[in-house]
Amino acid sequence: LSPRNFTGSNAGVWVVGGSSGYFG
């Protein structure tokens, strides 16, 4: 649910990378 950043026209959100468990 958490926003991460906003650059130009792109909004970023925190995500988890499925079975890899990558948090980015």
mmCIF file of all heavy atoms, coordinates in Angstrom:
data_MODEL
# 
_entry.id   MODEL 
# 
loop_
_atom_site.group_PDB 
_atom_site.id 
_atom_site.type_symbol 
_atom_site.label_atom_id 
_atom_site.label_alt_id 
_atom_site.label_comp_id 
_atom_site.label_asym_id 
_atom_site.label_entity_id 
_atom_site.label_seq_id 
_atom_site.pdbx_PDB_ins_code 
_atom_site.Cartn_x 
_atom_site.Cartn_y 
_atom_site.Cartn_z 
_atom_site.occupancy 
_atom_site.B_iso_or_equiv 
_atom_site.pdbx_formal_charge 
_atom_site.auth_seq_id 
_atom_site.auth_comp_id 
_atom_site.auth_asym_id 
_atom_site.auth_atom_id 
_atom_site.pdbx_PDB_model_num 
ATOM 1   N N   . LEU A 1 1  ? 0.822  -1.209  0.000   1.00 0.00 ? 1  LEU A N   1 
ATOM 2   C CA  . LEU A 1 1  ? 0.000  0.000   0.000   1.00 0.00 ? 1  LEU A CA  1 
ATOM 3   C C   . LEU A 1 1  ? 0.858  1.263   0.000   1.00 0.00 ? 1  LEU A C   1 
ATOM 4   O O   . LEU A 1 1  ? 0.373  2.344   -0.305  1.00 0.00 ? 1  LEU A O   1 
ATOM 5   C CB  . LEU A 1 1  ? -0.917 -0.008  1.235   1.00 0.00 ? 1  LEU A CB  1 
ATOM 6   C CG  . LEU A 1 1  ? -1.900 1.130   1.396   1.00 0.00 ? 1  LEU A CG  1 
ATOM 7   C CD1 . LEU A 1 1  ? -2.903 1.129   0.240   1.00 0.00 ? 1  LEU A CD1 1 
ATOM 8   C CD2 . LEU A 1 1  ? -2.630 1.009   2.721   1.00 0.00 ? 1  LEU A CD2 1 
ATOM 9   N N   . SER A 1 2  ? 2.147  1.131   0.288   1.00 0.00 ? 2  SER A N   1 
ATOM 10  C CA  . SER A 1 2  ? 3.011  2.285   0.542   1.00 0.00 ? 2  SER A CA  1 
ATOM 11  C C   . SER A 1 2  ? 3.662  2.860   -0.708  1.00 0.00 ? 2  SER A C   1 
ATOM 12  O O   . SER A 1 2  ? 4.307  2.137   -1.472  1.00 0.00 ? 2  SER A O   1 
ATOM 13  C CB  . SER A 1 2  ? 4.114  1.894   1.521   1.00 0.00 ? 2  SER A CB  1 
ATOM 14  O OG  . SER A 1 2  ? 3.555  1.432   2.722   1.00 0.00 ? 2  SER A OG  1 
ATOM 15  N N   . PRO A 1 3  ? 3.542  4.177   -0.906  1.00 0.00 ? 3  PRO A N   1 
ATOM 16  C CA  . PRO A 1 3  ? 4.264  4.822   -2.001  1.00 0.00 ? 3  PRO A CA  1 
ATOM 17  C C   . PRO A 1 3  ? 5.765  4.802   -1.728  1.00 0.00 ? 3  PRO A C   1 
ATOM 18  O O   . PRO A 1 3  ? 6.203  4.760   -0.580  1.00 0.00 ? 3  PRO A O   1 
ATOM 19  C CB  . PRO A 1 3  ? 3.729  6.253   -1.995  1.00 0.00 ? 3  PRO A CB  1 
ATOM 20  C CG  . PRO A 1 3  ? 3.236  6.470   -0.611  1.00 0.00 ? 3  PRO A CG  1 
ATOM 21  C CD  . PRO A 1 3  ? 2.792  5.131   -0.101  1.00 0.00 ? 3  PRO A CD  1 
ATOM 22  N N   . ARG A 1 4  ? 6.562  4.816   -2.795  1.00 0.00 ? 4  ARG A N   1 
ATOM 23  C CA  . ARG A 1 4  ? 8.022  4.785   -2.659  1.00 0.00 ? 4  ARG A CA  1 
ATOM 24  C C   . ARG A 1 4  ? 8.649  6.084   -3.139  1.00 0.00 ? 4  ARG A C   1 
ATOM 25  O O   . ARG A 1 4  ? 9.458  6.679   -2.492  1.00 0.00 ? 4  ARG A O   1 
ATOM 26  C CB  . ARG A 1 4  ? 8.586  3.588   -3.429  1.00 0.00 ? 4  ARG A CB  1 
ATOM 27  C CG  . ARG A 1 4  ? 10.079 3.563   -3.687  1.00 0.00 ? 4  ARG A CG  1 
ATOM 28  C CD  . ARG A 1 4  ? 10.840 3.127   -2.471  1.00 0.00 ? 4  ARG A CD  1 
ATOM 29  N NE  . ARG A 1 4  ? 12.216 2.752   -2.645  1.00 0.00 ? 4  ARG A NE  1 
ATOM 30  C CZ  . ARG A 1 4  ? 13.159 3.380   -3.319  1.00 0.00 ? 4  ARG A CZ  1 
ATOM 31  N NH1 . ARG A 1 4  ? 12.892 4.436   -4.026  1.00 0.00 ? 4  ARG A NH1 1 
ATOM 32  N NH2 . ARG A 1 4  ? 14.402 2.934   -3.327  1.00 0.00 ? 4  ARG A NH2 1 
ATOM 33  N N   . ASN A 1 5  ? 8.265  6.520   -4.348  1.00 0.00 ? 5  ASN A N   1 
ATOM 34  C CA  . ASN A 1 5  ? 8.848  7.753   -4.896  1.00 0.00 ? 5  ASN A CA  1 
ATOM 35  C C   . ASN A 1 5  ? 7.997  8.266   -6.057  1.00 0.00 ? 5  ASN A C   1 
ATOM 36  O O   . ASN A 1 5  ? 7.073  7.597   -6.524  1.00 0.00 ? 5  ASN A O   1 
ATOM 37  C CB  . ASN A 1 5  ? 10.285 7.510   -5.367  1.00 0.00 ? 5  ASN A CB  1 
ATOM 38  C CG  . ASN A 1 5  ? 10.371 6.514   -6.518  1.00 0.00 ? 5  ASN A CG  1 
ATOM 39  O OD1 . ASN A 1 5  ? 9.422  5.816   -6.824  1.00 0.00 ? 5  ASN A OD1 1 
ATOM 40  N ND2 . ASN A 1 5  ? 11.532 6.437   -7.138  1.00 0.00 ? 5  ASN A ND2 1 
ATOM 41  N N   . PHE A 1 6  ? 8.326  9.462   -6.516  1.00 0.00 ? 6  PHE A N   1 
ATOM 42  C CA  . PHE A 1 6  ? 7.700  10.027  -7.706  1.00 0.00 ? 6  PHE A CA  1 
ATOM 43  C C   . PHE A 1 6  ? 8.785  10.742  -8.483  1.00 0.00 ? 6  PHE A C   1 
ATOM 44  O O   . PHE A 1 6  ? 9.481  11.598  -7.957  1.00 0.00 ? 6  PHE A O   1 
ATOM 45  C CB  . PHE A 1 6  ? 6.586  11.015  -7.346  1.00 0.00 ? 6  PHE A CB  1 
ATOM 46  C CG  . PHE A 1 6  ? 5.892  11.566  -8.544  1.00 0.00 ? 6  PHE A CG  1 
ATOM 47  C CD1 . PHE A 1 6  ? 4.922  10.821  -9.194  1.00 0.00 ? 6  PHE A CD1 1 
ATOM 48  C CD2 . PHE A 1 6  ? 6.224  12.810  -9.052  1.00 0.00 ? 6  PHE A CD2 1 
ATOM 49  C CE1 . PHE A 1 6  ? 4.281  11.309  -10.329 1.00 0.00 ? 6  PHE A CE1 1 
ATOM 50  C CE2 . PHE A 1 6  ? 5.596  13.308  -10.174 1.00 0.00 ? 6  PHE A CE2 1 
ATOM 51  C CZ  . PHE A 1 6  ? 4.626  12.560  -10.809 1.00 0.00 ? 6  PHE A CZ  1 
ATOM 52  N N   . THR A 1 7  ? 8.977  10.341  -9.750  1.00 0.00 ? 7  THR A N   1 
ATOM 53  C CA  . THR A 1 7  ? 9.969  10.978  -10.609 1.00 0.00 ? 7  THR A CA  1 
ATOM 54  C C   . THR A 1 7  ? 9.318  11.318  -11.935 1.00 0.00 ? 7  THR A C   1 
ATOM 55  O O   . THR A 1 7  ? 8.841  10.428  -12.643 1.00 0.00 ? 7  THR A O   1 
ATOM 56  C CB  . THR A 1 7  ? 11.173 10.052  -10.866 1.00 0.00 ? 7  THR A CB  1 
ATOM 57  O OG1 . THR A 1 7  ? 10.702 8.811   -11.399 1.00 0.00 ? 7  THR A OG1 1 
ATOM 58  C CG2 . THR A 1 7  ? 11.944 9.790   -9.584  1.00 0.00 ? 7  THR A CG2 1 
ATOM 59  N N   . GLY A 1 8  ? 9.260  12.594  -12.257 1.00 0.00 ? 8  GLY A N   1 
ATOM 60  C CA  . GLY A 1 8  ? 8.645  13.014  -13.516 1.00 0.00 ? 8  GLY A CA  1 
ATOM 61  C C   . GLY A 1 8  ? 7.192  12.613  -13.581 1.00 0.00 ? 8  GLY A C   1 
ATOM 62  O O   . GLY A 1 8  ? 6.362  13.118  -12.843 1.00 0.00 ? 8  GLY A O   1 
ATOM 63  N N   . SER A 1 9  ? 6.881  11.658  -14.448 1.00 0.00 ? 9  SER A N   1 
ATOM 64  C CA  . SER A 1 9  ? 5.496  11.217  -14.603 1.00 0.00 ? 9  SER A CA  1 
ATOM 65  C C   . SER A 1 9  ? 5.268  9.817   -14.034 1.00 0.00 ? 9  SER A C   1 
ATOM 66  O O   . SER A 1 9  ? 4.231  9.217   -14.273 1.00 0.00 ? 9  SER A O   1 
ATOM 67  C CB  . SER A 1 9  ? 5.114  11.238  -16.085 1.00 0.00 ? 9  SER A CB  1 
ATOM 68  O OG  . SER A 1 9  ? 5.963  10.362  -16.800 1.00 0.00 ? 9  SER A OG  1 
ATOM 69  N N   . ASN A 1 10 ? 6.237  9.288   -13.290 1.00 0.00 ? 10 ASN A N   1 
ATOM 70  C CA  . ASN A 1 10 ? 6.120  7.930   -12.754 1.00 0.00 ? 10 ASN A CA  1 
ATOM 71  C C   . ASN A 1 10 ? 6.053  7.911   -11.234 1.00 0.00 ? 10 ASN A C   1 
ATOM 72  O O   . ASN A 1 10 ? 6.918  8.468   -10.556 1.00 0.00 ? 10 ASN A O   1 
ATOM 73  C CB  . ASN A 1 10 ? 7.312  7.067   -13.190 1.00 0.00 ? 10 ASN A CB  1 
ATOM 74  C CG  . ASN A 1 10 ? 7.344  6.854   -14.677 1.00 0.00 ? 10 ASN A CG  1 
ATOM 75  O OD1 . ASN A 1 10 ? 6.322  6.628   -15.294 1.00 0.00 ? 10 ASN A OD1 1 
ATOM 76  N ND2 . ASN A 1 10 ? 8.541  6.932   -15.255 1.00 0.00 ? 10 ASN A ND2 1 
ATOM 77  N N   . ALA A 1 11 ? 5.025  7.252   -10.708 1.00 0.00 ? 11 ALA A N   1 
ATOM 78  C CA  . ALA A 1 11 ? 4.913  7.036   -9.265  1.00 0.00 ? 11 ALA A CA  1 
ATOM 79  C C   . ALA A 1 11 ? 5.398  5.633   -8.956  1.00 0.00 ? 11 ALA A C   1 
ATOM 80  O O   . ALA A 1 11 ? 5.053  4.681   -9.654  1.00 0.00 ? 11 ALA A O   1 
ATOM 81  C CB  . ALA A 1 11 ? 3.466  7.211   -8.819  1.00 0.00 ? 11 ALA A CB  1 
ATOM 82  N N   . GLY A 1 12 ? 6.197  5.499   -7.915  1.00 0.00 ? 12 GLY A N   1 
ATOM 83  C CA  . GLY A 1 12 ? 6.709  4.200   -7.508  1.00 0.00 ? 12 GLY A CA  1 
ATOM 84  C C   . GLY A 1 12 ? 6.051  3.728   -6.227  1.00 0.00 ? 12 GLY A C   1 
ATOM 85  O O   . GLY A 1 12 ? 5.707  4.513   -5.352  1.00 0.00 ? 12 GLY A O   1 
ATOM 86  N N   . VAL A 1 13 ? 5.868  2.419   -6.117  1.00 0.00 ? 13 VAL A N   1 
ATOM 87  C CA  . VAL A 1 13 ? 5.259  1.795   -4.948  1.00 0.00 ? 13 VAL A CA  1 
ATOM 88  C C   . VAL A 1 13 ? 6.169  0.655   -4.494  1.00 0.00 ? 13 VAL A C   1 
ATOM 89  O O   . VAL A 1 13 ? 6.803  -0.015  -5.314  1.00 0.00 ? 13 VAL A O   1 
ATOM 90  C CB  . VAL A 1 13 ? 3.845  1.255   -5.300  1.00 0.00 ? 13 VAL A CB  1 
ATOM 91  C CG1 . VAL A 1 13 ? 3.229  0.514   -4.138  1.00 0.00 ? 13 VAL A CG1 1 
ATOM 92  C CG2 . VAL A 1 13 ? 2.939  2.382   -5.740  1.00 0.00 ? 13 VAL A CG2 1 
ATOM 93  N N   . TRP A 1 14 ? 6.238  0.425   -3.177  1.00 0.00 ? 14 TRP A N   1 
ATOM 94  C CA  . TRP A 1 14 ? 6.995  -0.706  -2.658  1.00 0.00 ? 14 TRP A CA  1 
ATOM 95  C C   . TRP A 1 14 ? 6.326  -2.007  -3.086  1.00 0.00 ? 14 TRP A C   1 
ATOM 96  O O   . TRP A 1 14 ? 5.105  -2.133  -3.006  1.00 0.00 ? 14 TRP A O   1 
ATOM 97  C CB  . TRP A 1 14 ? 7.066  -0.654  -1.139  1.00 0.00 ? 14 TRP A CB  1 
ATOM 98  C CG  . TRP A 1 14 ? 7.983  0.407   -0.622  1.00 0.00 ? 14 TRP A CG  1 
ATOM 99  C CD1 . TRP A 1 14 ? 7.629  1.622   -0.111  1.00 0.00 ? 14 TRP A CD1 1 
ATOM 100 C CD2 . TRP A 1 14 ? 9.403  0.350   -0.574  1.00 0.00 ? 14 TRP A CD2 1 
ATOM 101 N NE1 . TRP A 1 14 ? 8.745  2.319   0.246   1.00 0.00 ? 14 TRP A NE1 1 
ATOM 102 C CE2 . TRP A 1 14 ? 9.851  1.568   -0.025  1.00 0.00 ? 14 TRP A CE2 1 
ATOM 103 C CE3 . TRP A 1 14 ? 10.348 -0.600  -0.945  1.00 0.00 ? 14 TRP A CE3 1 
ATOM 104 C CZ2 . TRP A 1 14 ? 11.210 1.838   0.178   1.00 0.00 ? 14 TRP A CZ2 1 
ATOM 105 C CZ3 . TRP A 1 14 ? 11.689 -0.320  -0.755  1.00 0.00 ? 14 TRP A CZ3 1 
ATOM 106 C CH2 . TRP A 1 14 ? 12.102 0.882   -0.202  1.00 0.00 ? 14 TRP A CH2 1 
ATOM 107 N N   . VAL A 1 15 ? 7.136  -2.954  -3.549  1.00 0.00 ? 15 VAL A N   1 
ATOM 108 C CA  . VAL A 1 15 ? 6.634  -4.247  -4.018  1.00 0.00 ? 15 VAL A CA  1 
ATOM 109 C C   . VAL A 1 15 ? 7.503  -5.372  -3.469  1.00 0.00 ? 15 VAL A C   1 
ATOM 110 O O   . VAL A 1 15 ? 8.631  -5.150  -3.038  1.00 0.00 ? 15 VAL A O   1 
ATOM 111 C CB  . VAL A 1 15 ? 6.618  -4.336  -5.563  1.00 0.00 ? 15 VAL A CB  1 
ATOM 112 C CG1 . VAL A 1 15 ? 5.645  -3.349  -6.167  1.00 0.00 ? 15 VAL A CG1 1 
ATOM 113 C CG2 . VAL A 1 15 ? 8.001  -4.148  -6.143  1.00 0.00 ? 15 VAL A CG2 1 
ATOM 114 N N   . VAL A 1 16 ? 6.959  -6.594  -3.510  1.00 0.00 ? 16 VAL A N   1 
ATOM 115 C CA  . VAL A 1 16 ? 7.728  -7.791  -3.183  1.00 0.00 ? 16 VAL A CA  1 
ATOM 116 C C   . VAL A 1 16 ? 7.769  -8.650  -4.435  1.00 0.00 ? 16 VAL A C   1 
ATOM 117 O O   . VAL A 1 16 ? 6.749  -8.868  -5.096  1.00 0.00 ? 16 VAL A O   1 
ATOM 118 C CB  . VAL A 1 16 ? 7.118  -8.570  -2.002  1.00 0.00 ? 16 VAL A CB  1 
ATOM 119 C CG1 . VAL A 1 16 ? 7.872  -9.875  -1.763  1.00 0.00 ? 16 VAL A CG1 1 
ATOM 120 C CG2 . VAL A 1 16 ? 7.135  -7.715  -0.745  1.00 0.00 ? 16 VAL A CG2 1 
ATOM 121 N N   . GLY A 1 17 ? 8.952  -9.140  -4.767  1.00 0.00 ? 17 GLY A N   1 
ATOM 122 C CA  . GLY A 1 17 ? 9.188  -9.878  -6.000  1.00 0.00 ? 17 GLY A CA  1 
ATOM 123 C C   . GLY A 1 17 ? 8.829  -11.343 -5.950  1.00 0.00 ? 17 GLY A C   1 
ATOM 124 O O   . GLY A 1 17 ? 9.700  -12.191 -6.150  1.00 0.00 ? 17 GLY A O   1 
ATOM 125 N N   . GLY A 1 18 ? 7.586  -11.641 -5.669  1.00 0.00 ? 18 GLY A N   1 
ATOM 126 C CA  . GLY A 1 18 ? 7.109  -13.016 -5.740  1.00 0.00 ? 18 GLY A CA  1 
ATOM 127 C C   . GLY A 1 18 ? 7.978  -13.994 -4.979  1.00 0.00 ? 18 GLY A C   1 
ATOM 128 O O   . GLY A 1 18 ? 8.377  -13.742 -3.846  1.00 0.00 ? 18 GLY A O   1 
ATOM 129 N N   . SER A 1 19 ? 8.302  -15.120 -5.605  1.00 0.00 ? 19 SER A N   1 
ATOM 130 C CA  . SER A 1 19 ? 9.040  -16.182 -4.939  1.00 0.00 ? 19 SER A CA  1 
ATOM 131 C C   . SER A 1 19 ? 10.491 -15.805 -4.619  1.00 0.00 ? 19 SER A C   1 
ATOM 132 O O   . SER A 1 19 ? 11.119 -16.433 -3.776  1.00 0.00 ? 19 SER A O   1 
ATOM 133 C CB  . SER A 1 19 ? 8.996  -17.464 -5.765  1.00 0.00 ? 19 SER A CB  1 
ATOM 134 O OG  . SER A 1 19 ? 9.452  -17.217 -7.077  1.00 0.00 ? 19 SER A OG  1 
ATOM 135 N N   . SER A 1 20 ? 11.022 -14.768 -5.256  1.00 0.00 ? 20 SER A N   1 
ATOM 136 C CA  . SER A 1 20 ? 12.387 -14.336 -4.930  1.00 0.00 ? 20 SER A CA  1 
ATOM 137 C C   . SER A 1 20 ? 12.437 -13.559 -3.625  1.00 0.00 ? 20 SER A C   1 
ATOM 138 O O   . SER A 1 20 ? 13.495 -13.447 -3.008  1.00 0.00 ? 20 SER A O   1 
ATOM 139 C CB  . SER A 1 20 ? 12.959 -13.464 -6.049  1.00 0.00 ? 20 SER A CB  1 
ATOM 140 O OG  . SER A 1 20 ? 12.388 -12.157 -6.017  1.00 0.00 ? 20 SER A OG  1 
ATOM 141 N N   . GLY A 1 21 ? 11.309 -12.987 -3.203  1.00 0.00 ? 21 GLY A N   1 
ATOM 142 C CA  . GLY A 1 21 ? 11.278 -12.194 -1.983  1.00 0.00 ? 21 GLY A CA  1 
ATOM 143 C C   . GLY A 1 21 ? 12.011 -10.875 -2.090  1.00 0.00 ? 21 GLY A C   1 
ATOM 144 O O   . GLY A 1 21 ? 12.326 -10.251 -1.086  1.00 0.00 ? 21 GLY A O   1 
ATOM 145 N N   . TYR A 1 22 ? 12.273 -10.414 -3.325  1.00 0.00 ? 22 TYR A N   1 
ATOM 146 C CA  . TYR A 1 22 ? 12.955 -9.124  -3.497  1.00 0.00 ? 22 TYR A CA  1 
ATOM 147 C C   . TYR A 1 22 ? 12.032 -8.004  -3.044  1.00 0.00 ? 22 TYR A C   1 
ATOM 148 O O   . TYR A 1 22 ? 10.872 -7.941  -3.449  1.00 0.00 ? 22 TYR A O   1 
ATOM 149 C CB  . TYR A 1 22 ? 13.356 -8.910  -4.960  1.00 0.00 ? 22 TYR A CB  1 
ATOM 150 C CG  . TYR A 1 22 ? 14.036 -7.586  -5.186  1.00 0.00 ? 22 TYR A CG  1 
ATOM 151 C CD1 . TYR A 1 22 ? 15.370 -7.417  -4.875  1.00 0.00 ? 22 TYR A CD1 1 
ATOM 152 C CD2 . TYR A 1 22 ? 13.326 -6.502  -5.681  1.00 0.00 ? 22 TYR A CD2 1 
ATOM 153 C CE1 . TYR A 1 22 ? 16.007 -6.195  -5.059  1.00 0.00 ? 22 TYR A CE1 1 
ATOM 154 C CE2 . TYR A 1 22 ? 13.940 -5.273  -5.875  1.00 0.00 ? 22 TYR A CE2 1 
ATOM 155 C CZ  . TYR A 1 22 ? 15.278 -5.123  -5.561  1.00 0.00 ? 22 TYR A CZ  1 
ATOM 156 O OH  . TYR A 1 22 ? 15.895 -3.918  -5.730  1.00 0.00 ? 22 TYR A OH  1 
ATOM 157 N N   . PHE A 1 23 ? 12.530 -7.101  -2.214  1.00 0.00 ? 23 PHE A N   1 
ATOM 158 C CA  . PHE A 1 23 ? 11.746 -5.980  -1.697  1.00 0.00 ? 23 PHE A CA  1 
ATOM 159 C C   . PHE A 1 23 ? 12.281 -4.706  -2.320  1.00 0.00 ? 23 PHE A C   1 
ATOM 160 O O   . PHE A 1 23 ? 13.420 -4.317  -2.078  1.00 0.00 ? 23 PHE A O   1 
ATOM 161 C CB  . PHE A 1 23 ? 11.864 -5.943  -0.173  1.00 0.00 ? 23 PHE A CB  1 
ATOM 162 C CG  . PHE A 1 23 ? 11.062 -4.865  0.502   1.00 0.00 ? 23 PHE A CG  1 
ATOM 163 C CD1 . PHE A 1 23 ? 9.743  -4.629  0.160   1.00 0.00 ? 23 PHE A CD1 1 
ATOM 164 C CD2 . PHE A 1 23 ? 11.629 -4.113  1.515   1.00 0.00 ? 23 PHE A CD2 1 
ATOM 165 C CE1 . PHE A 1 23 ? 8.997  -3.657  0.810   1.00 0.00 ? 23 PHE A CE1 1 
ATOM 166 C CE2 . PHE A 1 23 ? 10.899 -3.145  2.183   1.00 0.00 ? 23 PHE A CE2 1 
ATOM 167 C CZ  . PHE A 1 23 ? 9.584  -2.916  1.829   1.00 0.00 ? 23 PHE A CZ  1 
ATOM 168 N N   . GLY A 1 24 ? 11.493 -4.099  -3.196  1.00 0.00 ? 24 GLY A N   1 
ATOM 169 C CA  . GLY A 1 24 ? 11.962 -2.917  -3.898  1.00 0.00 ? 24 GLY A CA  1 
ATOM 170 C C   . GLY A 1 24 ? 10.825 -2.070  -4.419  1.00 0.00 ? 24 GLY A C   1 
ATOM 171 O O   . GLY A 1 24 ? 9.748  -2.012  -3.831  1.00 0.00 ? 24 GLY A O   1 
# 
